[in-house]
Amino acid sequence: MKKRIVAGIVGGLLAASFFTYTTLEKSEARDAYSTYVKETYQEQPDIELSRDWKMGGYVGEVTLTKEPFAGTYFLETYGDGSIHDNVLETYWEREAERTIHERLISQGILKEEETIRAEVPTGVSDDAQANVTPTPTSIYETSPETYLDVSIMFHEDWNNADEQKQRILDVMRDIEPDVYSIHFSFDGKPGGNDDYTERYMMFTREASDIDPSFLDVRTIEDLNAYDRLYGFDETTFMTEYHFDGTPIEDKTTR
C-alpha cells in the first residue's frame, strides 16, 4: 500500500512538472513569435500554437491584417533558435501567378480559365528574406530565376499536335527570364474530374537525366527529340509515355 502511495505521489509530481514545463515552453514560444511578428510586420495578432513534430517545439499560425500581406501564415523555429515564416514566399507566389497569368492571356497564349501555379520552395528564400525587409517587394527584384517554379495547366488532353507543342514553346520563350522550372500539365476540362488522366512534362534551367533544359528546347523538333511525357494511370502509379501515348517501358530510353 505504501509503495502504491509513494508511486502515485511520484507520478503526480512528474506529471505536474511536465505540465509546468510544457506550459512555460509554450508561453516562451508565444512570446518569441509575438515579438518577431511585431518587429517584422508591425502587427500584434494572436498566435495559435501547435506541436512542431518535425522541428521540435511549437509552430505558430498567425493572421496578418495589413496590406499587402493580409492573410494567414505559419511561423517556425529552427534548431539555431532563429524564427522563419512563409510570408514573403506566399506573397511572391501570388504575385508570380497573377502577373504571369495576365501576361500570357494578354498575348493570346493562355486562356482565361487555364491556370498558373507558382512555388518558392520553403527554405530557398531564406537568404533573400534575410536581406529584404517585409514591404511590397516584387519577386522580380529577388532573382526568381534561381528558385521560382511555375506550373502551367492547359485545359486540353494531350494529342501530340504541333499546335500544343508550339504553345509550350511560346510559354517558355515568354517567361524563361523569370523562372527556374516550368511544369506543363495537360489534364482535361474545367470543372471536370481530372484524376488519373494527367499528362505532363517538366523543364528546368539546368538539364537533368530526366528533364531537359527549357533553355535548350527551341523548336518543335527539339521537343520531338525529347519525346517524353509523364502521367498517372487508374492505379495512381506514374507512367512514362512517348508523345504518341505509348508507354515507355525502358526508363533509360530517351
Protein backbone atom coordinates (compact mmCIF):
# COMPACT_ATOMS: atom_id res chain seq x y z
CA MET A 1 0.00 0.00 0.00
CA LYS A 2 2.80 2.42 0.93
CA LYS A 3 4.61 1.63 -2.33
CA ARG A 4 1.47 2.41 -4.31
CA ILE A 5 1.02 5.68 -2.42
CA VAL A 6 4.66 6.68 -2.99
CA ALA A 7 4.42 5.72 -6.67
CA GLY A 8 1.27 7.77 -7.01
CA ILE A 9 2.91 10.79 -5.40
CA VAL A 10 6.00 10.49 -7.63
CA GLY A 11 3.84 10.08 -10.72
CA GLY A 12 1.78 13.10 -9.75
CA LEU A 13 4.90 15.20 -9.22
CA LEU A 14 6.31 14.15 -12.58
CA ALA A 15 3.03 14.94 -14.32
CA ALA A 16 2.85 18.32 -12.61
CA SER A 17 6.46 19.08 -13.54
CA PHE A 18 5.85 18.11 -17.17
CA PHE A 19 2.71 20.24 -17.29
CA THR A 20 4.59 23.20 -15.82
CA TYR A 21 7.48 22.74 -18.28
CA THR A 22 5.14 22.42 -21.24
CA THR A 23 3.16 25.48 -20.20
CA LEU A 24 6.35 27.51 -19.77
CA GLU A 25 7.78 26.30 -23.09
CA LYS A 26 4.55 27.17 -24.88
CA SER A 27 4.41 30.61 -23.24
CA GLU A 28 8.00 31.33 -24.27
CA ALA A 29 7.28 30.28 -27.86
CA ARG A 30 4.22 32.51 -27.99
CA ASP A 31 6.18 35.48 -26.62
CA ALA A 32 9.02 34.92 -29.10
CA TYR A 33 6.65 34.68 -32.05
CA SER A 34 4.68 37.73 -30.93
CA THR A 35 7.87 39.78 -30.65
CA TYR A 36 9.04 38.60 -34.05
CA VAL A 37 5.76 39.50 -35.75
CA LYS A 38 5.63 42.90 -34.06
CA GLU A 39 9.20 43.77 -35.07
CA THR A 40 8.94 42.34 -38.58
CA TYR A 41 5.38 43.21 -39.65
CA GLN A 42 4.35 45.89 -37.11
CA GLU A 43 1.31 43.89 -36.00
CA GLN A 44 0.31 42.23 -32.74
CA PRO A 45 -2.14 39.45 -33.68
CA ASP A 46 -2.92 36.38 -31.63
CA ILE A 47 -0.60 33.43 -32.23
CA GLU A 48 -2.09 29.95 -32.46
CA LEU A 49 0.42 27.28 -31.40
CA SER A 50 0.64 23.59 -32.17
CA ARG A 51 3.33 20.99 -31.64
CA ASP A 52 6.01 21.04 -34.33
CA TRP A 53 6.70 17.32 -34.64
CA LYS A 54 9.27 17.89 -37.38
CA MET A 55 11.43 20.61 -35.85
CA GLY A 56 10.52 20.22 -32.18
CA GLY A 57 8.97 22.93 -30.06
CA TYR A 58 5.97 24.75 -31.47
CA VAL A 59 4.88 26.02 -34.85
CA GLY A 60 2.80 29.17 -34.84
CA GLU A 61 -0.08 30.29 -37.04
CA VAL A 62 -0.63 34.00 -37.48
CA THR A 63 -3.16 36.06 -39.41
CA LEU A 64 -1.90 39.44 -40.62
CA THR A 65 -4.42 42.15 -41.47
CA LYS A 66 -2.33 44.90 -43.05
CA GLU A 67 -1.85 45.01 -46.80
CA PRO A 68 -0.09 43.76 -48.80
CA PHE A 69 0.49 40.79 -46.51
CA ALA A 70 -3.06 40.26 -45.27
CA GLY A 71 -3.53 36.53 -44.84
CA THR A 72 -2.70 33.54 -42.65
CA TYR A 73 0.85 32.21 -42.40
CA PHE A 74 2.99 29.90 -40.30
CA LEU A 75 5.95 30.61 -38.04
CA GLU A 76 8.65 28.07 -37.32
CA THR A 77 11.68 28.00 -35.03
CA TYR A 78 14.84 26.40 -36.42
CA GLY A 79 17.35 24.47 -34.35
CA ASP A 80 19.59 27.52 -34.01
CA GLY A 81 16.72 29.46 -32.44
CA SER A 82 16.01 31.64 -35.49
CA ILE A 83 12.39 32.21 -36.47
CA HIS A 84 11.19 31.86 -40.05
CA ASP A 85 7.85 32.48 -41.74
CA ASN A 86 6.34 31.92 -45.18
CA VAL A 87 5.00 35.45 -45.67
CA LEU A 88 7.30 36.59 -48.47
CA GLU A 89 7.22 33.18 -50.16
CA THR A 90 3.43 33.29 -50.27
CA TYR A 91 3.32 36.91 -51.38
CA TRP A 92 5.84 36.27 -54.17
CA GLU A 93 3.96 33.17 -55.32
CA ARG A 94 0.70 35.10 -55.57
CA GLU A 95 2.41 37.89 -57.49
CA ALA A 96 4.02 35.45 -59.94
CA GLU A 97 0.75 33.59 -60.51
CA ARG A 98 -1.15 36.80 -61.17
CA THR A 99 1.38 38.57 -63.38
CA ILE A 100 2.39 35.53 -65.46
CA HIS A 101 -1.27 34.60 -65.97
CA GLU A 102 -2.13 38.13 -67.11
CA ARG A 103 0.93 38.28 -69.35
CA LEU A 104 0.20 35.01 -71.16
CA ILE A 105 -3.50 35.82 -71.58
CA SER A 106 -2.76 39.29 -72.99
CA GLN A 107 -0.52 37.70 -75.60
CA GLY A 108 -3.11 35.11 -76.56
CA ILE A 109 -1.01 32.17 -75.34
CA LEU A 110 -3.22 31.18 -72.41
CA LYS A 111 -6.99 31.00 -71.98
CA GLU A 112 -8.61 32.82 -69.08
CA GLU A 113 -9.73 29.59 -67.41
CA GLU A 114 -6.31 27.98 -67.64
CA THR A 115 -4.23 28.29 -64.53
CA ILE A 116 -0.79 29.24 -63.24
CA ARG A 117 0.68 27.91 -60.01
CA ALA A 118 3.94 29.29 -58.67
CA GLU A 119 6.08 27.93 -55.87
CA VAL A 120 9.03 29.27 -53.94
CA PRO A 121 10.32 26.18 -52.11
CA THR A 122 10.42 26.57 -48.33
CA GLY A 123 13.91 27.46 -47.19
CA VAL A 124 15.22 28.55 -50.58
CA SER A 125 14.10 32.13 -49.99
CA ASP A 126 15.66 32.41 -46.54
CA ASP A 127 18.71 34.32 -47.77
CA ALA A 128 16.54 36.75 -49.71
CA GLN A 129 14.22 37.07 -46.75
CA ALA A 130 17.14 37.97 -44.51
CA ASN A 131 18.12 40.79 -46.84
CA VAL A 132 14.72 42.12 -47.89
CA THR A 133 12.51 43.98 -45.46
CA PRO A 134 8.86 42.89 -45.48
CA THR A 135 7.49 45.58 -47.76
CA PRO A 136 5.62 45.19 -51.09
CA THR A 137 8.79 43.82 -52.68
CA SER A 138 8.38 42.20 -56.08
CA ILE A 139 9.52 38.65 -56.75
CA TYR A 140 11.13 40.06 -59.88
CA GLU A 141 13.58 42.04 -57.76
CA THR A 142 14.88 38.93 -55.97
CA SER A 143 16.34 36.76 -58.77
CA PRO A 144 13.30 34.50 -59.19
CA GLU A 145 15.11 32.53 -61.86
CA THR A 146 17.13 30.90 -59.09
CA TYR A 147 14.16 29.28 -57.36
CA LEU A 148 10.73 30.17 -58.79
CA ASP A 149 8.90 27.08 -60.07
CA VAL A 150 5.83 27.60 -62.24
CA SER A 151 3.13 25.12 -63.23
CA ILE A 152 1.03 25.83 -66.33
CA MET A 153 -2.21 23.85 -66.64
CA PHE A 154 -3.63 23.60 -70.14
CA HIS A 155 -7.31 22.60 -70.23
CA GLU A 156 -6.91 20.09 -73.00
CA ASP A 157 -5.97 16.46 -73.44
CA TRP A 158 -2.62 15.73 -74.94
CA ASN A 159 -2.96 14.56 -78.53
CA ASN A 160 0.58 15.11 -79.80
CA ALA A 161 -0.39 18.04 -82.04
CA ASP A 162 2.12 20.59 -83.28
CA GLU A 163 -0.21 23.34 -82.05
CA GLN A 164 0.16 22.04 -78.49
CA LYS A 165 3.93 21.84 -78.81
CA GLN A 166 4.06 25.37 -80.17
CA ARG A 167 2.09 26.63 -77.15
CA ILE A 168 4.67 25.01 -74.89
CA LEU A 169 7.44 26.79 -76.74
CA ASP A 170 5.55 30.11 -76.66
CA VAL A 171 5.14 29.91 -72.87
CA MET A 172 8.79 29.01 -72.34
CA ARG A 173 10.03 31.87 -74.51
CA ASP A 174 7.77 34.35 -72.73
CA ILE A 175 8.61 33.52 -69.11
CA GLU A 176 12.05 31.92 -69.28
CA PRO A 177 13.83 35.03 -67.88
CA ASP A 178 11.71 34.82 -64.72
CA VAL A 179 11.61 31.17 -63.68
CA TYR A 180 13.83 28.28 -62.73
CA SER A 181 11.49 25.42 -63.55
CA ILE A 182 8.36 25.00 -65.71
CA HIS A 183 5.83 22.20 -65.34
CA PHE A 184 3.29 21.78 -68.13
CA SER A 185 0.11 19.86 -67.37
CA PHE A 186 -2.50 18.59 -69.82
CA ASP A 187 -5.37 17.16 -67.86
CA GLY A 188 -8.78 17.78 -69.04
CA LYS A 189 -11.63 20.16 -68.81
CA PRO A 190 -12.58 22.99 -66.44
CA GLY A 191 -14.67 21.64 -63.59
CA GLY A 192 -14.11 18.04 -64.62
CA ASN A 193 -12.68 15.15 -62.66
CA ASP A 194 -9.15 15.02 -63.97
CA ASP A 195 -7.88 12.24 -61.69
CA TYR A 196 -5.82 9.62 -63.48
CA THR A 197 -5.86 11.48 -66.80
CA GLU A 198 -2.98 13.87 -66.27
CA ARG A 199 -0.14 14.04 -68.74
CA TYR A 200 2.67 16.44 -68.02
CA MET A 201 6.27 17.39 -68.72
CA MET A 202 8.97 19.24 -66.83
CA PHE A 203 11.68 21.64 -67.97
CA THR A 204 14.37 23.30 -65.85
CA ARG A 205 17.18 25.76 -66.41
CA GLU A 206 19.74 23.03 -65.94
CA ALA A 207 19.06 19.77 -67.75
CA SER A 208 18.98 16.57 -65.71
CA ASP A 209 18.95 12.87 -66.58
CA ILE A 210 15.15 13.06 -66.56
CA ASP A 211 14.19 16.57 -67.64
CA PRO A 212 15.71 18.75 -70.37
CA SER A 213 16.66 22.39 -70.08
CA PHE A 214 13.99 24.74 -71.42
CA LEU A 215 16.86 26.99 -72.50
CA ASP A 216 17.89 24.28 -74.98
CA VAL A 217 14.41 23.44 -76.28
CA ARG A 218 13.78 25.95 -79.04
CA THR A 219 11.79 24.19 -81.77
CA ILE A 220 9.12 21.56 -82.23
CA GLU A 221 11.90 19.31 -83.49
CA ASP A 222 13.69 19.74 -80.15
CA LEU A 223 10.52 18.62 -78.36
CA ASN A 224 10.09 15.68 -80.70
CA ALA A 225 13.69 14.65 -79.98
CA TYR A 226 12.90 14.73 -76.28
CA ASP A 227 9.65 12.76 -76.77
CA ARG A 228 8.70 12.15 -73.16
CA LEU A 229 5.57 12.73 -71.09
CA TYR A 230 4.67 11.61 -67.59
CA GLY A 231 1.26 10.54 -66.41
CA PHE A 232 -0.86 8.64 -63.91
CA ASP A 233 -2.93 5.58 -64.69
CA GLU A 234 -6.01 4.26 -62.87
CA THR A 235 -3.92 2.76 -60.08
CA THR A 236 -2.21 6.14 -59.48
CA PHE A 237 1.24 4.82 -60.40
CA MET A 238 3.33 7.15 -62.51
CA THR A 239 3.96 6.04 -66.08
CA GLU A 240 6.28 7.47 -68.70
CA TYR A 241 4.90 7.95 -72.20
CA HIS A 242 6.03 8.76 -75.68
CA PHE A 243 4.23 11.71 -77.23
CA ASP A 244 2.05 9.32 -79.22
CA GLY A 245 0.66 7.93 -75.95
CA THR A 246 2.52 4.61 -75.86
CA PRO A 247 4.20 3.81 -72.51
CA ILE A 248 7.97 3.93 -72.25
CA GLU A 249 8.92 0.53 -70.92
CA ASP A 250 12.64 1.15 -70.57
CA LYS A 251 13.17 4.00 -68.07
CA THR A 252 16.58 4.78 -69.57
CA THR A 253 15.17 5.32 -73.08
CA ARG A 254 15.32 8.93 -74.20
